[in-house]
Amino acid sequence: MRKLGRFVLILILAGTGLYLLRVQPVHSKSGKKRLLYLTLSAGFKHESIPLSRDIVKQIGDKSGAFETTFADDVSPFTAENLRNYNAVMFYTTGELPFSEVQKTIFSGYLMAGNGFIGVHSATDTFYTWDEYSKIIGGYFDGHPWHQQVTVNVVDPESKIVGFLGKSFQITDEIYQIDDFRDDSEVLLRLDPMSVDRTKPGAHLRYYNWPMAWTRKYGKGRTFYTALGHEDAVWRDQRIRSLRAADRDSNS
């Protein structure tokens, strides 16, 4: 668990998040980049959401790199307002009440070169909006395992996850992904030898069990990590230090 905090920070914010925040030159009056973090639950509401908001804000404040605006409804998703942000982050569930106009605005915002970060249940969102599949890259397909697992690093040379070595262990609720878009760049996969693959609800796909990936969407870039259900994944004290992660996040 020694690397857990730095791992979560890099994946959720520094390694890809701050990379995404650099895509478009939007700054606040303070000169910082800006992140819009949506935590709207139209389905199951995760208990770790309030803690995740605290941690994200603390990381931004301590690093001085970005400011976070929190939203628990869809009102900020207007063309005028989204121009104020470099990236949008989802910790969401269900069919969010975006209007068709808002969906067009949001997809256009990303296509134009802005960033998207999806955490855990972001894949349990917008099943009926086909375009979202192209944004997120796949959909939630059950979580048969809630335990310590081994996660394999797909590319040990990756600037985002390469510091983790070939594999690491973590305890969390482990998502399976259906309708996975294999034009994504997979960063992490579940080691199938670390779980009971005969457990009811376990589904073997040809792409196995991806747990983190990036993908292009128009001129923008999106990132998703299946991790984040457990408070412990967010609470680790080491995720409050951005220095090492910032060094490794140059892409």
Protein backbone atom coordinates (compact mmCIF):
# COMPACT_ATOMS: atom_id res chain seq x y z
CA MET A 1 0.00 0.00 0.00
CA ARG A 2 3.06 2.28 0.10
CA LYS A 3 2.39 3.62 -3.38
CA LEU A 4 -1.39 3.86 -3.10
CA GLY A 5 -1.63 7.58 -2.39
CA ARG A 6 0.72 8.64 -5.14
CA PHE A 7 -1.02 6.23 -7.50
CA VAL A 8 -4.46 7.74 -6.91
CA LEU A 9 -3.17 11.28 -7.21
CA ILE A 10 -1.42 10.66 -10.49
CA LEU A 11 -4.29 8.79 -12.09
CA ILE A 12 -7.10 11.03 -10.99
CA LEU A 13 -5.44 14.42 -11.07
CA ALA A 14 -1.75 14.77 -11.76
CA GLY A 15 -0.73 12.21 -14.30
CA THR A 16 -3.72 12.73 -16.56
CA GLY A 17 -5.85 15.31 -14.79
CA LEU A 18 -3.32 18.12 -14.82
CA TYR A 19 -2.25 17.00 -18.28
CA LEU A 20 -5.85 17.48 -19.36
CA LEU A 21 -5.99 20.79 -17.56
CA ARG A 22 -3.15 22.00 -19.77
CA VAL A 23 -5.01 21.31 -23.01
CA GLN A 24 -6.82 24.65 -23.29
CA PRO A 25 -5.41 27.96 -21.96
CA VAL A 26 -8.21 28.76 -19.54
CA HIS A 27 -7.20 30.45 -16.30
CA SER A 28 -8.98 31.97 -13.36
CA LYS A 29 -8.16 35.48 -12.15
CA SER A 30 -5.57 33.85 -9.92
CA GLY A 31 -3.84 32.36 -12.95
CA LYS A 32 -4.69 28.77 -12.00
CA LYS A 33 -6.24 26.17 -14.26
CA ARG A 34 -9.86 25.30 -13.56
CA LEU A 35 -11.63 21.99 -13.01
CA LEU A 36 -15.40 21.42 -12.86
CA TYR A 37 -16.16 18.37 -10.70
CA LEU A 38 -19.68 16.93 -11.09
CA THR A 39 -20.85 14.57 -8.32
CA LEU A 40 -24.47 14.02 -9.29
CA SER A 41 -26.01 10.63 -8.52
CA ALA A 42 -29.05 9.73 -10.60
CA GLY A 43 -28.63 6.13 -9.41
CA PHE A 44 -26.59 4.67 -6.57
CA LYS A 45 -24.89 7.37 -4.48
CA HIS A 46 -21.39 6.51 -3.32
CA GLU A 47 -20.53 7.33 0.28
CA SER A 48 -17.02 8.40 -0.71
CA ILE A 49 -18.24 11.34 -2.82
CA PRO A 50 -18.00 14.00 -0.05
CA LEU A 51 -14.52 12.84 0.87
CA SER A 52 -13.47 12.84 -2.79
CA ARG A 53 -14.55 16.46 -3.08
CA ASP A 54 -12.49 17.40 -0.04
CA ILE A 55 -9.43 15.60 -1.36
CA VAL A 56 -9.64 17.08 -4.84
CA LYS A 57 -9.93 20.58 -3.40
CA GLN A 58 -7.04 19.99 -1.02
CA ILE A 59 -4.82 18.77 -3.85
CA GLY A 60 -5.60 21.83 -5.94
CA ASP A 61 -5.17 24.25 -3.06
CA LYS A 62 -1.94 22.72 -1.79
CA SER A 63 -0.32 22.46 -5.20
CA GLY A 64 -1.55 25.85 -6.34
CA ALA A 65 -2.00 24.33 -9.77
CA PHE A 66 -5.76 24.43 -10.18
CA GLU A 67 -9.05 25.56 -8.71
CA THR A 68 -12.01 23.21 -8.39
CA THR A 69 -15.65 24.13 -8.75
CA PHE A 70 -18.09 21.51 -7.47
CA ALA A 71 -21.48 20.78 -8.98
CA ASP A 72 -24.23 18.44 -7.85
CA ASP A 73 -26.67 19.42 -10.60
CA VAL A 74 -26.42 20.00 -14.35
CA SER A 75 -26.92 23.78 -14.35
CA PRO A 76 -23.21 24.57 -14.98
CA PHE A 77 -23.30 22.74 -18.31
CA THR A 78 -23.90 25.69 -20.58
CA ALA A 79 -21.71 26.81 -23.46
CA GLU A 80 -20.89 30.08 -21.73
CA ASN A 81 -19.98 28.49 -18.40
CA LEU A 82 -17.92 25.59 -19.74
CA ARG A 83 -15.60 28.11 -21.40
CA ASN A 84 -14.36 28.84 -17.87
CA TYR A 85 -12.94 25.34 -17.37
CA ASN A 86 -10.01 23.34 -18.73
CA ALA A 87 -11.47 19.96 -17.78
CA VAL A 88 -14.57 18.29 -16.35
CA MET A 89 -14.50 15.43 -13.84
CA PHE A 90 -17.39 12.99 -13.23
CA TYR A 91 -18.10 10.87 -10.15
CA THR A 92 -21.66 10.17 -11.24
CA THR A 93 -24.30 7.49 -11.73
CA GLY A 94 -27.40 6.96 -13.82
CA GLU A 95 -29.10 8.94 -16.55
CA LEU A 96 -28.08 12.48 -15.70
CA PRO A 97 -30.79 15.03 -16.53
CA PHE A 98 -28.86 16.73 -19.34
CA SER A 99 -31.08 18.18 -22.04
CA GLU A 100 -30.26 17.31 -25.64
CA VAL A 101 -28.81 20.81 -25.97
CA GLN A 102 -26.56 20.25 -22.95
CA LYS A 103 -25.35 16.94 -24.34
CA THR A 104 -24.41 18.64 -27.61
CA ILE A 105 -22.68 21.45 -25.74
CA PHE A 106 -20.73 19.08 -23.51
CA SER A 107 -19.58 16.79 -26.32
CA GLY A 108 -18.62 19.83 -28.38
CA TYR A 109 -16.65 21.24 -25.44
CA LEU A 110 -14.63 18.04 -25.25
CA MET A 111 -14.23 17.69 -29.01
CA ALA A 112 -12.78 21.20 -29.12
CA GLY A 113 -9.80 20.11 -27.05
CA ASN A 114 -10.79 20.11 -23.39
CA GLY A 115 -10.30 17.28 -20.90
CA PHE A 116 -12.57 14.74 -19.24
CA ILE A 117 -11.79 12.66 -16.15
CA GLY A 118 -14.10 9.82 -15.14
CA VAL A 119 -13.85 8.20 -11.71
CA HIS A 120 -15.26 4.79 -10.70
CA SER A 121 -19.00 5.00 -11.42
CA ALA A 122 -18.59 7.43 -14.31
CA THR A 123 -18.97 4.26 -16.40
CA ASP A 124 -22.32 3.66 -14.64
CA THR A 125 -23.66 6.82 -16.29
CA PHE A 126 -25.51 7.83 -19.48
CA TYR A 127 -26.29 4.34 -20.79
CA THR A 128 -28.86 5.74 -23.18
CA TRP A 129 -26.64 8.45 -24.66
CA ASP A 130 -24.60 6.76 -27.39
CA GLU A 131 -22.08 9.57 -27.68
CA TYR A 132 -21.09 9.16 -24.04
CA SER A 133 -19.78 5.70 -24.89
CA LYS A 134 -17.29 7.38 -27.21
CA ILE A 135 -16.31 9.79 -24.44
CA ILE A 136 -15.94 7.34 -21.55
CA GLY A 137 -14.90 4.25 -23.52
CA GLY A 138 -17.06 1.56 -21.87
CA TYR A 139 -19.81 0.82 -19.37
CA PHE A 140 -20.08 -0.73 -15.92
CA ASP A 141 -20.89 -4.45 -16.00
CA GLY A 142 -21.07 -5.46 -12.35
CA HIS A 143 -18.55 -5.68 -9.51
CA PRO A 144 -18.17 -9.31 -8.45
CA TRP A 145 -15.07 -8.61 -6.36
CA HIS A 146 -14.62 -6.26 -3.41
CA GLN A 147 -11.23 -7.26 -2.07
CA GLN A 148 -7.50 -6.86 -2.37
CA VAL A 149 -6.47 -7.53 -5.95
CA THR A 150 -3.35 -7.33 -8.05
CA VAL A 151 -3.35 -4.78 -10.85
CA ASN A 152 -0.99 -5.14 -13.80
CA VAL A 153 0.65 -2.09 -15.36
CA VAL A 154 0.21 -2.47 -19.11
CA ASP A 155 3.09 -0.20 -20.09
CA PRO A 156 5.87 0.03 -17.49
CA GLU A 157 7.37 2.86 -19.58
CA SER A 158 4.23 4.98 -19.27
CA LYS A 159 4.80 8.45 -17.84
CA ILE A 160 1.45 8.13 -16.06
CA VAL A 161 1.72 4.72 -14.40
CA GLY A 162 5.23 3.49 -15.12
CA PHE A 163 6.46 4.34 -11.61
CA LEU A 164 4.21 1.55 -10.29
CA GLY A 165 6.42 -1.12 -11.77
CA LYS A 166 4.92 -4.20 -13.34
CA SER A 167 2.07 -4.59 -10.84
CA PHE A 168 0.72 -3.48 -7.47
CA GLN A 169 -1.95 -4.46 -4.98
CA ILE A 170 -4.98 -2.46 -3.92
CA THR A 171 -8.26 -3.04 -2.08
CA ASP A 172 -11.37 -1.62 -3.69
CA GLU A 173 -14.65 -2.51 -5.37
CA ILE A 174 -13.56 -3.93 -8.72
CA TYR A 175 -15.60 -2.96 -11.76
CA GLN A 176 -16.02 -5.03 -14.89
CA ILE A 177 -16.44 -3.16 -18.16
CA ASP A 178 -18.79 -4.00 -21.02
CA ASP A 179 -18.85 -2.50 -24.53
CA PHE A 180 -15.23 -1.49 -24.08
CA ARG A 181 -13.87 0.57 -26.95
CA ASP A 182 -10.58 -1.01 -27.84
CA ASP A 183 -9.23 2.13 -29.48
CA SER A 184 -8.53 3.26 -25.91
CA GLU A 185 -5.01 3.19 -24.49
CA VAL A 186 -5.24 0.81 -21.54
CA LEU A 187 -3.02 1.76 -18.62
CA LEU A 188 -4.00 -0.84 -16.01
CA ARG A 189 -5.64 -4.27 -16.06
CA LEU A 190 -6.83 -6.55 -13.32
CA ASP A 191 -4.58 -9.55 -12.82
CA PRO A 192 -7.11 -12.39 -13.27
CA MET A 193 -5.01 -14.69 -11.10
CA SER A 194 -5.76 -12.48 -8.08
CA VAL A 195 -9.53 -13.09 -8.14
CA ASP A 196 -11.95 -16.01 -8.31
CA ARG A 197 -12.97 -15.95 -11.98
CA THR A 198 -15.72 -18.51 -11.32
CA LYS A 199 -17.53 -16.21 -8.91
CA PRO A 200 -21.15 -15.54 -9.94
CA GLY A 201 -21.36 -12.42 -12.06
CA ALA A 202 -17.78 -12.61 -13.30
CA HIS A 203 -17.58 -12.08 -17.08
CA LEU A 204 -14.53 -12.80 -19.18
CA ARG A 205 -14.24 -10.54 -22.23
CA TYR A 206 -11.65 -10.68 -24.98
CA TYR A 207 -10.15 -7.46 -23.57
CA ASN A 208 -10.05 -8.96 -20.05
CA TRP A 209 -10.57 -6.45 -17.19
CA PRO A 210 -9.24 -2.94 -17.98
CA MET A 211 -9.09 -0.72 -14.88
CA ALA A 212 -7.73 2.55 -16.26
CA TRP A 213 -7.34 4.00 -19.71
CA THR A 214 -7.06 7.15 -21.77
CA ARG A 215 -8.62 7.87 -25.14
CA LYS A 216 -8.88 10.65 -27.67
CA TYR A 217 -12.16 12.38 -28.28
CA GLY A 218 -11.89 14.85 -31.11
CA LYS A 219 -9.12 17.26 -30.15
CA GLY A 220 -9.69 16.50 -26.49
CA ARG A 221 -8.51 13.66 -24.31
CA THR A 222 -10.39 11.61 -21.77
CA PHE A 223 -9.22 9.50 -18.86
CA TYR A 224 -11.00 6.93 -16.70
CA THR A 225 -10.05 4.94 -13.62
CA ALA A 226 -12.36 2.29 -12.17
CA LEU A 227 -10.90 2.84 -8.70
CA GLY A 228 -12.35 5.18 -6.08
CA HIS A 229 -15.16 3.34 -4.30
CA GLU A 230 -13.37 3.03 -0.96
CA ASP A 231 -12.65 5.99 1.30
CA ALA A 232 -9.18 4.53 1.86
CA VAL A 233 -8.36 5.05 -1.80
CA TRP A 234 -9.06 8.76 -1.37
CA ARG A 235 -7.92 9.25 2.23
CA ASP A 236 -4.29 8.14 2.05
CA GLN A 237 -2.21 11.06 3.34
CA ARG A 238 0.31 10.78 0.54
CA ILE A 239 -2.15 11.93 -2.11
CA ARG A 240 -1.90 15.42 -0.66
CA SER A 241 1.64 15.76 -2.00
CA LEU A 242 1.75 16.80 -5.64
CA ARG A 243 5.50 17.17 -6.04
CA ALA A 244 6.42 13.63 -7.11
CA ALA A 245 3.28 13.22 -9.20
CA ASP A 246 3.82 16.53 -10.96
CA ARG A 247 7.31 15.44 -11.91
CA ASP A 248 6.00 12.22 -13.44
CA SER A 249 3.03 13.79 -15.20
CA ASN A 250 4.81 15.59 -18.03
CA SER A 251 3.40 14.19 -21.25
